[in-house]
N, C-alpha and C. Protein backbone atom coordinates (compact mmCIF):
# COMPACT_ATOMS: atom_id res chain seq x y z
N THR A 1 72.76 -62.09 37.70
CA THR A 1 73.56 -60.92 37.94
C THR A 1 74.43 -61.14 39.16
N ASP A 2 75.46 -60.38 39.27
CA ASP A 2 76.34 -60.48 40.44
C ASP A 2 76.48 -59.14 41.15
N GLY A 3 75.51 -58.27 40.95
CA GLY A 3 75.56 -56.96 41.59
C GLY A 3 74.23 -56.26 41.49
N SER A 4 74.29 -54.95 41.47
CA SER A 4 73.08 -54.14 41.34
C SER A 4 72.99 -53.58 39.92
N ALA A 5 71.79 -53.37 39.47
CA ALA A 5 71.57 -52.81 38.13
C ALA A 5 71.94 -51.34 38.10
N SER A 6 72.57 -50.92 37.02
CA SER A 6 72.87 -49.49 36.86
C SER A 6 71.63 -48.73 36.38
N ASP A 7 70.63 -49.47 35.94
CA ASP A 7 69.39 -48.87 35.46
C ASP A 7 68.18 -49.49 36.18
N SER A 8 68.28 -49.58 37.49
CA SER A 8 67.24 -50.25 38.28
C SER A 8 65.87 -49.60 38.14
N TYR A 9 65.85 -48.34 37.75
CA TYR A 9 64.57 -47.65 37.56
C TYR A 9 63.76 -48.27 36.41
N LEU A 10 64.39 -49.10 35.58
CA LEU A 10 63.70 -49.74 34.46
C LEU A 10 63.18 -51.14 34.80
N LEU A 11 63.52 -51.67 35.96
CA LEU A 11 63.15 -53.05 36.30
C LEU A 11 61.64 -53.27 36.33
N GLN A 12 60.92 -52.37 36.96
CA GLN A 12 59.46 -52.51 37.05
C GLN A 12 58.83 -52.45 35.66
N ARG A 13 59.31 -51.54 34.85
CA ARG A 13 58.79 -51.41 33.48
C ARG A 13 59.10 -52.67 32.67
N SER A 14 60.29 -53.19 32.82
CA SER A 14 60.69 -54.42 32.13
C SER A 14 59.79 -55.58 32.54
N PHE A 15 59.51 -55.69 33.85
CA PHE A 15 58.60 -56.74 34.31
C PHE A 15 57.23 -56.57 33.69
N GLY A 16 56.73 -55.35 33.63
CA GLY A 16 55.42 -55.09 33.05
C GLY A 16 55.33 -55.52 31.60
N ILE A 17 56.37 -55.22 30.83
CA ILE A 17 56.40 -55.62 29.42
C ILE A 17 56.42 -57.14 29.30
N SER A 18 57.25 -57.79 30.11
CA SER A 18 57.32 -59.25 30.08
C SER A 18 55.98 -59.86 30.45
N SER A 19 55.38 -59.36 31.51
CA SER A 19 54.11 -59.88 31.99
C SER A 19 53.01 -59.69 30.95
N THR A 20 52.95 -58.53 30.34
CA THR A 20 51.95 -58.24 29.31
C THR A 20 52.07 -59.20 28.14
N ASN A 21 53.29 -59.62 27.85
CA ASN A 21 53.54 -60.53 26.73
C ASN A 21 53.61 -61.99 27.15
N ASN A 22 53.10 -62.29 28.36
CA ASN A 22 53.05 -63.67 28.89
C ASN A 22 54.42 -64.34 28.93
N VAL A 23 55.45 -63.57 29.27
CA VAL A 23 56.80 -64.10 29.43
C VAL A 23 57.05 -64.29 30.92
N THR A 24 57.42 -65.50 31.31
CA THR A 24 57.76 -65.78 32.70
C THR A 24 59.26 -65.57 32.87
N VAL A 25 59.64 -64.74 33.82
CA VAL A 25 61.04 -64.40 34.05
C VAL A 25 61.53 -65.09 35.31
N TYR A 26 62.70 -65.68 35.22
CA TYR A 26 63.41 -66.22 36.37
C TYR A 26 64.67 -65.39 36.54
N SER A 27 65.00 -65.03 37.76
CA SER A 27 66.19 -64.23 38.04
C SER A 27 67.19 -65.05 38.83
N VAL A 28 68.46 -64.95 38.46
CA VAL A 28 69.52 -65.68 39.14
C VAL A 28 70.58 -64.70 39.61
N GLY A 29 70.88 -64.73 40.89
CA GLY A 29 71.92 -63.90 41.47
C GLY A 29 73.13 -64.73 41.84
N VAL A 30 74.31 -64.16 41.64
CA VAL A 30 75.56 -64.85 41.96
C VAL A 30 76.34 -64.01 42.95
N GLY A 31 76.67 -64.59 44.09
CA GLY A 31 77.51 -63.91 45.07
C GLY A 31 76.72 -63.05 46.04
N ALA A 32 77.44 -62.54 47.03
CA ALA A 32 76.83 -61.77 48.11
C ALA A 32 76.36 -60.38 47.67
N ASN A 33 76.88 -59.88 46.55
CA ASN A 33 76.52 -58.53 46.11
C ASN A 33 75.28 -58.48 45.21
N ALA A 34 74.73 -59.64 44.87
CA ALA A 34 73.53 -59.66 44.03
C ALA A 34 72.36 -59.08 44.82
N SER A 35 71.63 -58.18 44.22
CA SER A 35 70.51 -57.53 44.89
C SER A 35 69.25 -58.39 44.80
N VAL A 36 68.88 -59.00 45.91
CA VAL A 36 67.68 -59.85 45.94
C VAL A 36 66.44 -59.03 45.63
N ALA A 37 66.40 -57.78 46.08
CA ALA A 37 65.25 -56.91 45.79
C ALA A 37 65.11 -56.70 44.29
N GLU A 38 66.20 -56.41 43.61
CA GLU A 38 66.15 -56.20 42.17
C GLU A 38 65.79 -57.49 41.43
N LEU A 39 66.33 -58.60 41.89
CA LEU A 39 65.99 -59.89 41.28
C LEU A 39 64.50 -60.18 41.44
N SER A 40 63.95 -59.85 42.61
CA SER A 40 62.52 -60.06 42.87
C SER A 40 61.66 -59.17 41.98
N ILE A 41 62.08 -57.94 41.78
CA ILE A 41 61.33 -57.04 40.89
C ILE A 41 61.36 -57.58 39.47
N SER A 42 62.51 -58.05 39.02
CA SER A 42 62.63 -58.58 37.66
C SER A 42 61.74 -59.80 37.45
N ALA A 43 61.68 -60.67 38.44
CA ALA A 43 60.93 -61.92 38.29
C ALA A 43 59.47 -61.81 38.69
N ASN A 44 59.14 -60.89 39.60
CA ASN A 44 57.80 -60.86 40.18
C ASN A 44 57.11 -59.51 40.16
N GLY A 45 57.82 -58.47 39.78
CA GLY A 45 57.23 -57.14 39.75
C GLY A 45 57.25 -56.42 41.08
N GLY A 46 57.82 -57.02 42.09
CA GLY A 46 57.90 -56.38 43.41
C GLY A 46 58.80 -57.16 44.33
N VAL A 47 58.99 -56.64 45.54
CA VAL A 47 59.91 -57.25 46.49
C VAL A 47 59.20 -58.12 47.53
N ASP A 48 57.89 -58.30 47.38
CA ASP A 48 57.12 -59.04 48.38
C ASP A 48 57.34 -60.55 48.33
N THR A 49 57.88 -61.06 47.23
CA THR A 49 58.09 -62.50 47.10
C THR A 49 59.39 -62.77 46.34
N THR A 50 59.98 -63.91 46.62
CA THR A 50 61.18 -64.32 45.90
C THR A 50 60.88 -65.52 45.00
N THR A 51 59.61 -65.66 44.60
CA THR A 51 59.25 -66.70 43.65
C THR A 51 60.04 -66.48 42.36
N ARG A 52 60.57 -67.54 41.80
CA ARG A 52 61.36 -67.53 40.56
C ARG A 52 62.67 -66.75 40.70
N VAL A 53 63.14 -66.59 41.93
CA VAL A 53 64.45 -65.97 42.19
C VAL A 53 65.36 -67.05 42.75
N LEU A 54 66.48 -67.26 42.10
CA LEU A 54 67.45 -68.25 42.55
C LEU A 54 68.77 -67.56 42.83
N SER A 55 69.58 -68.18 43.65
CA SER A 55 70.88 -67.58 43.94
C SER A 55 71.91 -68.66 44.21
N THR A 56 73.15 -68.27 44.04
CA THR A 56 74.28 -69.13 44.31
C THR A 56 75.42 -68.26 44.84
N SER A 57 76.29 -68.85 45.60
CA SER A 57 77.35 -68.05 46.22
C SER A 57 78.50 -67.73 45.27
N ASN A 58 78.64 -68.51 44.18
CA ASN A 58 79.74 -68.26 43.25
C ASN A 58 79.43 -68.84 41.87
N TYR A 59 80.28 -68.49 40.92
CA TYR A 59 80.06 -68.93 39.54
C TYR A 59 80.32 -70.42 39.34
N VAL A 60 81.10 -71.03 40.21
CA VAL A 60 81.35 -72.47 40.11
C VAL A 60 80.04 -73.24 40.28
N GLU A 61 79.16 -72.76 41.15
CA GLU A 61 77.88 -73.43 41.40
C GLU A 61 76.80 -73.07 40.39
N LEU A 62 77.04 -72.09 39.54
CA LEU A 62 76.02 -71.61 38.60
C LEU A 62 75.50 -72.69 37.66
N PRO A 63 76.33 -73.56 37.08
CA PRO A 63 75.77 -74.60 36.20
C PRO A 63 74.75 -75.50 36.89
N ALA A 64 74.96 -75.81 38.16
CA ALA A 64 73.99 -76.64 38.89
C ALA A 64 72.68 -75.90 39.09
N VAL A 65 72.76 -74.59 39.36
CA VAL A 65 71.54 -73.78 39.52
C VAL A 65 70.77 -73.74 38.20
N ILE A 66 71.47 -73.54 37.10
CA ILE A 66 70.83 -73.49 35.79
C ILE A 66 70.22 -74.85 35.44
N LEU A 67 70.90 -75.93 35.77
CA LEU A 67 70.34 -77.27 35.52
C LEU A 67 69.06 -77.48 36.31
N ASN A 68 69.06 -77.09 37.59
CA ASN A 68 67.85 -77.21 38.41
C ASN A 68 66.73 -76.35 37.86
N LEU A 69 67.06 -75.16 37.41
CA LEU A 69 66.07 -74.27 36.81
C LEU A 69 65.49 -74.88 35.54
N THR A 70 66.35 -75.42 34.70
CA THR A 70 65.90 -76.07 33.47
C THR A 70 64.97 -77.23 33.77
N ASP A 71 65.33 -78.06 34.74
CA ASP A 71 64.47 -79.18 35.14
C ASP A 71 63.12 -78.69 35.64
N ALA A 72 63.12 -77.63 36.43
CA ALA A 72 61.87 -77.09 36.96
C ALA A 72 60.97 -76.56 35.84
N ILE A 73 61.56 -75.88 34.87
CA ILE A 73 60.79 -75.37 33.74
C ILE A 73 60.22 -76.52 32.92
N PHE A 74 61.04 -77.51 32.63
CA PHE A 74 60.57 -78.64 31.84
C PHE A 74 59.46 -79.41 32.54
N SER A 75 59.57 -79.57 33.85
CA SER A 75 58.57 -80.35 34.57
C SER A 75 57.27 -79.59 34.77
N SER A 76 57.31 -78.26 34.67
CA SER A 76 56.10 -77.48 34.93
C SER A 76 55.20 -77.35 33.71
N SER A 77 55.77 -77.42 32.52
CA SER A 77 54.94 -77.26 31.32
C SER A 77 55.70 -77.70 30.09
N LEU A 78 54.96 -77.87 29.03
CA LEU A 78 55.55 -78.19 27.74
C LEU A 78 55.86 -76.88 27.03
N ILE A 79 57.12 -76.62 26.75
CA ILE A 79 57.55 -75.39 26.10
C ILE A 79 57.16 -75.44 24.63
N GLU A 80 56.79 -74.30 24.08
CA GLU A 80 56.44 -74.23 22.66
C GLU A 80 57.59 -74.79 21.83
N GLY A 81 57.27 -75.70 20.94
CA GLY A 81 58.28 -76.32 20.10
C GLY A 81 58.90 -77.55 20.71
N GLN A 82 58.56 -77.84 21.94
CA GLN A 82 59.14 -78.98 22.63
C GLN A 82 58.26 -80.19 22.40
N GLU A 83 58.87 -81.35 22.25
CA GLU A 83 58.12 -82.57 22.04
C GLU A 83 58.45 -83.57 23.14
N SER A 84 57.45 -84.32 23.55
CA SER A 84 57.67 -85.40 24.50
C SER A 84 57.88 -86.67 23.69
N ASN A 85 58.89 -87.45 24.02
CA ASN A 85 59.16 -88.66 23.25
C ASN A 85 58.58 -89.90 23.90
N GLY A 86 57.59 -89.74 24.77
CA GLY A 86 56.94 -90.88 25.40
C GLY A 86 57.63 -91.35 26.67
N THR A 87 58.71 -90.72 27.04
CA THR A 87 59.41 -91.06 28.28
C THR A 87 59.47 -89.81 29.13
N ASN A 88 60.26 -89.84 30.16
CA ASN A 88 60.44 -88.65 30.99
C ASN A 88 61.38 -87.64 30.34
N GLN A 89 62.01 -88.02 29.24
CA GLN A 89 62.91 -87.12 28.54
C GLN A 89 62.13 -86.27 27.56
N ARG A 90 62.59 -85.09 27.34
CA ARG A 90 61.95 -84.19 26.39
C ARG A 90 63.00 -83.66 25.43
N THR A 91 62.57 -83.40 24.22
CA THR A 91 63.49 -82.87 23.23
C THR A 91 63.14 -81.42 22.93
N LEU A 92 64.09 -80.71 22.42
CA LEU A 92 63.89 -79.29 22.11
C LEU A 92 64.05 -79.06 20.61
N GLU A 93 63.26 -79.75 19.82
CA GLU A 93 63.37 -79.66 18.38
C GLU A 93 63.25 -78.22 17.88
N ASN A 94 62.22 -77.51 18.31
CA ASN A 94 61.99 -76.15 17.83
C ASN A 94 61.80 -75.16 18.96
N ALA A 95 62.28 -75.49 20.14
CA ALA A 95 62.04 -74.64 21.30
C ALA A 95 62.98 -73.44 21.31
N ASN A 96 62.52 -72.39 21.94
CA ASN A 96 63.31 -71.20 22.17
C ASN A 96 63.64 -71.15 23.64
N PHE A 97 64.91 -71.16 23.99
CA PHE A 97 65.31 -71.19 25.38
C PHE A 97 66.62 -70.43 25.50
N GLY A 98 66.69 -69.47 26.40
CA GLY A 98 67.93 -68.73 26.52
C GLY A 98 67.94 -67.81 27.70
N PHE A 99 69.05 -67.14 27.85
CA PHE A 99 69.25 -66.22 28.96
C PHE A 99 69.77 -64.91 28.40
N SER A 100 69.36 -63.83 29.00
CA SER A 100 69.83 -62.53 28.54
C SER A 100 69.91 -61.56 29.71
N GLY A 101 70.90 -60.75 29.69
CA GLY A 101 71.04 -59.71 30.70
C GLY A 101 71.01 -58.34 30.08
N HIS A 102 70.46 -58.23 28.89
CA HIS A 102 70.47 -56.98 28.14
C HIS A 102 69.07 -56.39 28.09
N SER A 103 68.99 -55.10 28.27
CA SER A 103 67.72 -54.41 28.05
C SER A 103 67.96 -53.29 27.06
N ASP A 104 67.04 -53.13 26.16
CA ASP A 104 67.14 -52.10 25.14
C ASP A 104 66.53 -50.82 25.70
N LYS A 105 67.35 -49.87 26.07
CA LYS A 105 66.86 -48.64 26.71
C LYS A 105 65.95 -47.84 25.80
N THR A 106 66.09 -48.00 24.50
CA THR A 106 65.19 -47.27 23.60
C THR A 106 63.79 -47.84 23.68
N TYR A 107 63.66 -49.13 23.98
CA TYR A 107 62.35 -49.76 24.08
C TYR A 107 61.74 -49.54 25.46
N LEU A 108 62.58 -49.45 26.47
CA LEU A 108 62.10 -49.34 27.84
C LEU A 108 62.12 -47.89 28.32
N LYS A 109 61.67 -46.99 27.50
CA LYS A 109 61.68 -45.58 27.88
C LYS A 109 60.73 -45.34 29.04
N VAL A 110 61.18 -44.54 29.96
CA VAL A 110 60.38 -44.18 31.13
C VAL A 110 59.66 -42.88 30.83
N LYS A 111 58.36 -42.86 31.04
CA LYS A 111 57.60 -41.64 30.81
C LYS A 111 57.88 -40.65 31.92
N THR A 112 58.11 -39.41 31.55
CA THR A 112 58.37 -38.37 32.55
C THR A 112 57.31 -37.31 32.50
C-alpha cells in the first residue's frame, strides 16, 4: 500500500481470518505515507512488531523488495505445489502465489 486504509477497522478482523486459516501475510508499504501501524496489524495482528512488514521509498524499488520477499518465502519452506529439482532452484509447477489488496466487505463484517 502507499497510504492508509479507508477501512482500517477491518484490519484486525482480516488478520484473524488469515491466521485462523493458517495464511501467513506479508505487508509491503511504498513511500512515506504508508502506515506502518496498519501494515503491522495486517501482517501480525498488532503494532508491537514489524515482522513480515517491508517497505520501500518508491515504486521503482518495489520489484527488488518483491524479489527479496519471494526469496525469503522460498528459503523458509516448501510451498504447496512447489517442487525441488535437486538444486537450489525451485519450480512452481502447481503453486499458488500472488498479491492482493482487496478485501470483501461482505465477508469481513464487523459485529456491532
